C-alpha atoms as a PDB file:
ATOM      1  CA  MET A   1       4.880  32.432 -18.848  1.00  0.00           C
ATOM      2  CA  LYS A   2       2.571  29.655 -18.343  1.00  0.00           C
ATOM      3  CA  CYS A   3       4.488  26.225 -16.905  1.00  0.00           C
ATOM      4  CA  LYS A   4       3.819  23.193 -19.090  1.00  0.00           C
ATOM      5  CA  MET A   5       4.206  20.875 -16.096  1.00  0.00           C
ATOM      6  CA  ILE A   6       0.944  22.308 -15.004  1.00  0.00           C
ATOM      7  CA  GLY A   7      -0.727  21.900 -18.219  1.00  0.00           C
ATOM      8  CA  VAL A   8       0.386  18.243 -18.336  1.00  0.00           C
ATOM      9  CA  CYS A   9      -1.017  17.617 -14.867  1.00  0.00           C
ATOM     10  CA  ASP A  10      -4.270  19.327 -15.581  1.00  0.00           C
ATOM     11  CA  THR A  11      -4.895  17.187 -18.931  1.00  0.00           C
ATOM     12  CA  LEU A  12      -3.681  14.106 -16.896  1.00  0.00           C
ATOM     13  CA  SER A  13      -6.279  15.234 -14.075  1.00  0.00           C
ATOM     14  CA  ASP A  14      -9.114  15.563 -16.658  1.00  0.00           C
ATOM     15  CA  ARG A  15      -8.343  12.050 -18.123  1.00  0.00           C
ATOM     16  CA  LEU A  16      -8.294  10.484 -14.736  1.00  0.00           C
ATOM     17  CA  SER A  17     -11.689  11.971 -13.475  1.00  0.00           C
ATOM     18  CA  SER A  18     -13.328   9.808 -15.935  1.00  0.00           C
ATOM     19  CA  LEU A  19     -12.329   6.754 -13.864  1.00  0.00           C
ATOM     20  CA  LYS A  20     -13.435   8.002 -10.432  1.00  0.00           C
ATOM     21  CA  ASP A  21     -16.123   5.635 -10.157  1.00  0.00           C
ATOM     22  CA  LEU A  22     -13.989   2.772 -10.817  1.00  0.00           C
ATOM     23  CA  PRO A  23     -12.165   2.644  -7.414  1.00  0.00           C
ATOM     24  CA  LEU A  24     -15.515   2.850  -5.603  1.00  0.00           C
ATOM     25  CA  LEU A  25     -16.734  -0.504  -7.615  1.00  0.00           C
ATOM     26  CA  VAL A  26     -13.563  -2.299  -6.673  1.00  0.00           C
ATOM     27  CA  ILE A  27     -13.841  -1.021  -2.819  1.00  0.00           C
ATOM     28  CA  ARG A  28     -17.321  -2.404  -2.778  1.00  0.00           C
ATOM     29  CA  LEU A  29     -16.606  -5.926  -4.515  1.00  0.00           C
ATOM     30  CA  VAL A  30     -13.381  -6.083  -2.236  1.00  0.00           C
ATOM     31  CA  LEU A  31     -15.456  -5.370   0.651  1.00  0.00           C
ATOM     32  CA  ALA A  32     -18.278  -7.709  -0.421  1.00  0.00           C
ATOM     33  CA  TYR A  33     -16.056 -10.633  -0.645  1.00  0.00           C
ATOM     34  CA  GLY A  34     -14.352  -9.878   2.577  1.00  0.00           C
ATOM     35  CA  PHE A  35     -17.741  -9.959   4.454  1.00  0.00           C
ATOM     36  CA  TRP A  36     -19.282 -12.810   2.619  1.00  0.00           C
ATOM     37  CA  ASN A  37     -17.237 -15.831   4.083  1.00  0.00           C
ATOM     38  CA  PRO A  38     -17.289 -14.485   7.790  1.00  0.00           C
ATOM     39  CA  GLY A  39     -20.804 -13.748   7.821  1.00  0.00           C
ATOM     40  CA  ILE A  40     -21.701 -17.193   6.079  1.00  0.00           C
ATOM     41  CA  MET A  41     -19.194 -18.865   8.743  1.00  0.00           C
ATOM     42  CA  LYS A  42     -21.060 -17.170  11.509  1.00  0.00           C
ATOM     43  CA  TRP A  43     -24.492 -18.407  10.384  1.00  0.00           C
ATOM     44  CA  GLN A  44     -23.055 -21.974  10.206  1.00  0.00           C
ATOM     45  CA  ASN A  45     -22.016 -21.861  13.652  1.00  0.00           C
ATOM     46  CA  ILE A  46     -24.278 -19.472  15.125  1.00  0.00           C
ATOM     47  CA  ASP A  47     -24.156 -20.785  18.718  1.00  0.00           C
ATOM     48  CA  GLY A  48     -20.562 -21.253  18.806  1.00  0.00           C
ATOM     49  CA  ILE A  49     -20.060 -17.347  17.843  1.00  0.00           C
ATOM     50  CA  ALA A  50     -22.665 -16.369  20.559  1.00  0.00           C
ATOM     51  CA  GLU A  51     -20.398 -18.547  23.012  1.00  0.00           C
ATOM     52  CA  TRP A  52     -17.420 -16.704  21.742  1.00  0.00           C
ATOM     53  CA  PHE A  53     -18.852 -13.405  22.181  1.00  0.00           C
ATOM     54  CA  GLU A  54     -19.933 -14.331  25.811  1.00  0.00           C
ATOM     55  CA  GLY A  55     -16.513 -15.297  26.503  1.00  0.00           C
ATOM     56  CA  MET A  56     -15.296 -11.912  25.605  1.00  0.00           C
ATOM     57  CA  GLY A  57     -17.702 -10.299  27.932  1.00  0.00           C
ATOM     58  CA  MET A  58     -19.942  -8.830  25.106  1.00  0.00           C
ATOM     59  CA  PRO A  59     -23.600  -7.982  26.217  1.00  0.00           C
ATOM     60  CA  PHE A  60     -26.254  -9.907  24.657  1.00  0.00           C
ATOM     61  CA  PRO A  61     -23.976 -12.018  22.936  1.00  0.00           C
ATOM     62  CA  THR A  62     -26.922 -14.368  20.967  1.00  0.00           C
ATOM     63  CA  LEU A  63     -28.404 -11.175  19.918  1.00  0.00           C
ATOM     64  CA  ASN A  64     -25.071  -9.727  18.868  1.00  0.00           C
ATOM     65  CA  ALA A  65     -24.018 -12.838  16.931  1.00  0.00           C
ATOM     66  CA  TYR A  66     -27.235 -13.034  15.033  1.00  0.00           C
ATOM     67  CA  LEU A  67     -26.759  -9.075  14.282  1.00  0.00           C
ATOM     68  CA  SER A  68     -23.114  -9.562  13.095  1.00  0.00           C
ATOM     69  CA  ALA A  69     -23.769 -12.581  10.916  1.00  0.00           C
ATOM     70  CA  SER A  70     -26.749 -10.868   9.276  1.00  0.00           C
ATOM     71  CA  THR A  71     -24.998  -7.682   8.724  1.00  0.00           C
ATOM     72  CA  GLU A  72     -22.199  -9.189   7.111  1.00  0.00           C
ATOM     73  CA  VAL A  73     -24.203 -11.157   4.894  1.00  0.00           C
ATOM     74  CA  ALA A  74     -26.516  -8.462   3.936  1.00  0.00           C
ATOM     75  CA  GLY A  75     -23.860  -6.023   3.802  1.00  0.00           C
ATOM     76  CA  ALA A  76     -21.972  -8.319   1.283  1.00  0.00           C
ATOM     77  CA  VAL A  77     -24.881  -8.647  -1.070  1.00  0.00           C
ATOM     78  CA  LEU A  78     -25.705  -4.875  -0.905  1.00  0.00           C
ATOM     79  CA  LEU A  79     -22.301  -4.139  -1.546  1.00  0.00           C
ATOM     80  CA  MET A  80     -22.092  -6.088  -4.511  1.00  0.00           C
ATOM     81  CA  LEU A  81     -25.144  -4.788  -5.863  1.00  0.00           C
ATOM     82  CA  GLY A  82     -24.102  -1.353  -4.988  1.00  0.00           C
ATOM     83  CA  PHE A  83     -27.715  -0.631  -3.215  1.00  0.00           C
ATOM     84  CA  ALA A  84     -27.901   1.374  -0.062  1.00  0.00           C
ATOM     85  CA  VAL A  85     -24.093   1.444   0.130  1.00  0.00           C
ATOM     86  CA  ARG A  86     -23.948   4.524   2.484  1.00  0.00           C
ATOM     87  CA  VAL A  87     -26.770   3.002   4.697  1.00  0.00           C
ATOM     88  CA  ILE A  88     -25.051  -0.604   5.029  1.00  0.00           C
ATOM     89  CA  SER A  89     -21.691   1.155   5.532  1.00  0.00           C
ATOM     90  CA  ILE A  90     -22.505   2.487   9.114  1.00  0.00           C
ATOM     91  CA  PRO A  91     -23.574  -0.742  10.569  1.00  0.00           C
ATOM     92  CA  LEU A  92     -20.446  -2.664   8.956  1.00  0.00           C
ATOM     93  CA  MET A  93     -18.051   0.247  10.280  1.00  0.00           C
ATOM     94  CA  VAL A  94     -19.656  -0.300  13.853  1.00  0.00           C
ATOM     95  CA  ILE A  95     -18.805  -3.967  13.217  1.00  0.00           C
ATOM     96  CA  MET A  96     -15.159  -3.194  12.257  1.00  0.00           C
ATOM     97  CA  VAL A  97     -14.582  -1.092  15.380  1.00  0.00           C
ATOM     98  CA  VAL A  98     -16.274  -3.568  17.742  1.00  0.00           C
ATOM     99  CA  ALA A  99     -13.838  -6.294  16.071  1.00  0.00           C
ATOM    100  CA  ILE A 100     -10.754  -3.887  16.306  1.00  0.00           C
ATOM    101  CA  VAL A 101     -11.343  -2.835  20.264  1.00  0.00           C
ATOM    102  CA  THR A 102     -12.693  -6.580  21.123  1.00  0.00           C
ATOM    103  CA  VAL A 103     -10.526  -9.015  18.901  1.00  0.00           C
ATOM    104  CA  HIS A 104      -7.473  -7.255  17.374  1.00  0.00           C
ATOM    105  CA  PHE A 105      -6.117  -4.242  19.256  1.00  0.00           C
ATOM    106  CA  GLY A 106      -4.357  -6.222  21.769  1.00  0.00           C
ATOM    107  CA  ASN A 107      -2.471  -7.956  19.398  1.00  0.00           C
ATOM    108  CA  GLY A 108      -0.796  -4.701  17.579  1.00  0.00           C
ATOM    109  CA  PHE A 109      -1.219  -3.496  14.189  1.00  0.00           C
ATOM    110  CA  GLU A 110       0.241  -6.393  12.128  1.00  0.00           C
ATOM    111  CA  ALA A 111      -2.028  -8.578  10.115  1.00  0.00           C
ATOM    112  CA  GLY A 112       0.350 -11.290  10.659  1.00  0.00           C
ATOM    113  CA  ASP A 113      -0.360 -11.069  14.510  1.00  0.00           C
ATOM    114  CA  ASN A 114      -3.951 -10.840  14.040  1.00  0.00           C
ATOM    115  CA  GLY A 115      -3.736  -7.335  14.791  1.00  0.00           C
ATOM    116  CA  PHE A 116      -6.015  -4.387  13.424  1.00  0.00           C
ATOM    117  CA  GLU A 117      -4.373  -3.640  10.295  1.00  0.00           C
ATOM    118  CA  ILE A 118      -6.967  -5.308   7.987  1.00  0.00           C
ATOM    119  CA  PRO A 119     -10.251  -4.203   9.883  1.00  0.00           C
ATOM    120  CA  LEU A 120      -8.456  -0.681   9.677  1.00  0.00           C
ATOM    121  CA  TYR A 121      -8.458  -1.020   6.224  1.00  0.00           C
ATOM    122  CA  TYR A 122     -12.086  -2.410   5.955  1.00  0.00           C
ATOM    123  CA  LEU A 123     -12.847   0.742   8.060  1.00  0.00           C
ATOM    124  CA  ILE A 124     -11.181   3.212   5.896  1.00  0.00           C
ATOM    125  CA  MET A 125     -12.833   1.698   2.863  1.00  0.00           C
ATOM    126  CA  LEU A 126     -16.389   1.630   4.316  1.00  0.00           C
ATOM    127  CA  PHE A 127     -15.958   5.297   5.376  1.00  0.00           C
ATOM    128  CA  THR A 128     -14.803   6.218   2.067  1.00  0.00           C
ATOM    129  CA  LEU A 129     -18.171   4.481   0.549  1.00  0.00           C
ATOM    130  CA  PHE A 130     -20.177   6.496   3.112  1.00  0.00           C
ATOM    131  CA  VAL A 131     -18.739   9.481   2.042  1.00  0.00           C
ATOM    132  CA  TYR A 132     -18.840   8.863  -1.651  1.00  0.00           C
ATOM    133  CA  GLY A 133     -21.609   6.534  -2.241  1.00  0.00           C
ATOM    134  CA  GLY A 134     -21.386   3.406  -4.450  1.00  0.00           C
ATOM    135  CA  GLY A 135     -20.751   5.331  -7.708  1.00  0.00           C
ATOM    136  CA  LYS A 136     -22.141   5.216 -11.035  1.00  0.00           C
ATOM    137  CA  TYR A 137     -21.360   1.354 -11.217  1.00  0.00           C
ATOM    138  CA  SER A 138     -23.971   0.651  -8.781  1.00  0.00           C
ATOM    139  CA  ALA A 139     -27.502   0.207  -8.253  1.00  0.00           C
ATOM    140  CA  ASP A 140     -27.834   3.185  -6.540  1.00  0.00           C
ATOM    141  CA  GLY A 141     -26.079   5.161  -9.388  1.00  0.00           C
ATOM    142  CA  LEU A 142     -28.629   3.446 -11.800  1.00  0.00           C
ATOM    143  CA  LEU A 143     -31.356   4.517  -9.896  1.00  0.00           C
ATOM    144  CA  ARG A 144     -30.179   7.992  -9.462  1.00  0.00           C
ATOM    145  CA  LYS A 145     -29.581   8.265 -13.196  1.00  0.00           C
ATOM    146  CA  TYR A 146     -32.890   7.208 -14.207  1.00  0.00           C
ATOM    147  CA  ALA A 147     -34.707   8.858 -11.931  1.00  0.00           C
ATOM    148  CA  ALA A 148     -33.430  12.284 -12.743  1.00  0.00           C
END
């Protein structure tokens, strides 16, 4: 005897699978928005960022200030377009790990206490994009579709 609930779940699952690329688009756009302003703010005060990095004991603070600002701005653009999503996810994940370790971890988990909650969410979303790619609603998806 077949369980009707399993049939309902299978039907729902089939219908929802057509939406599987939509969360990837939303994740990309949320992350692009989240990286854009910090990247631009770093560029507007790159010397201050280098001094801040130096004060935290970060090696090569000026180089790291330029690298982080460039990665955040380029990452925002690439995520928005959905181009090279897996590639840009890697340096953005590194930035999130460094931010968690150097700035946020000592403040605990809570975002309200400048804890590592938000960078951790970003890290999880970036890892998701690294694993799944940008989806069909991306430049990568369009290139894959028309290259086939």
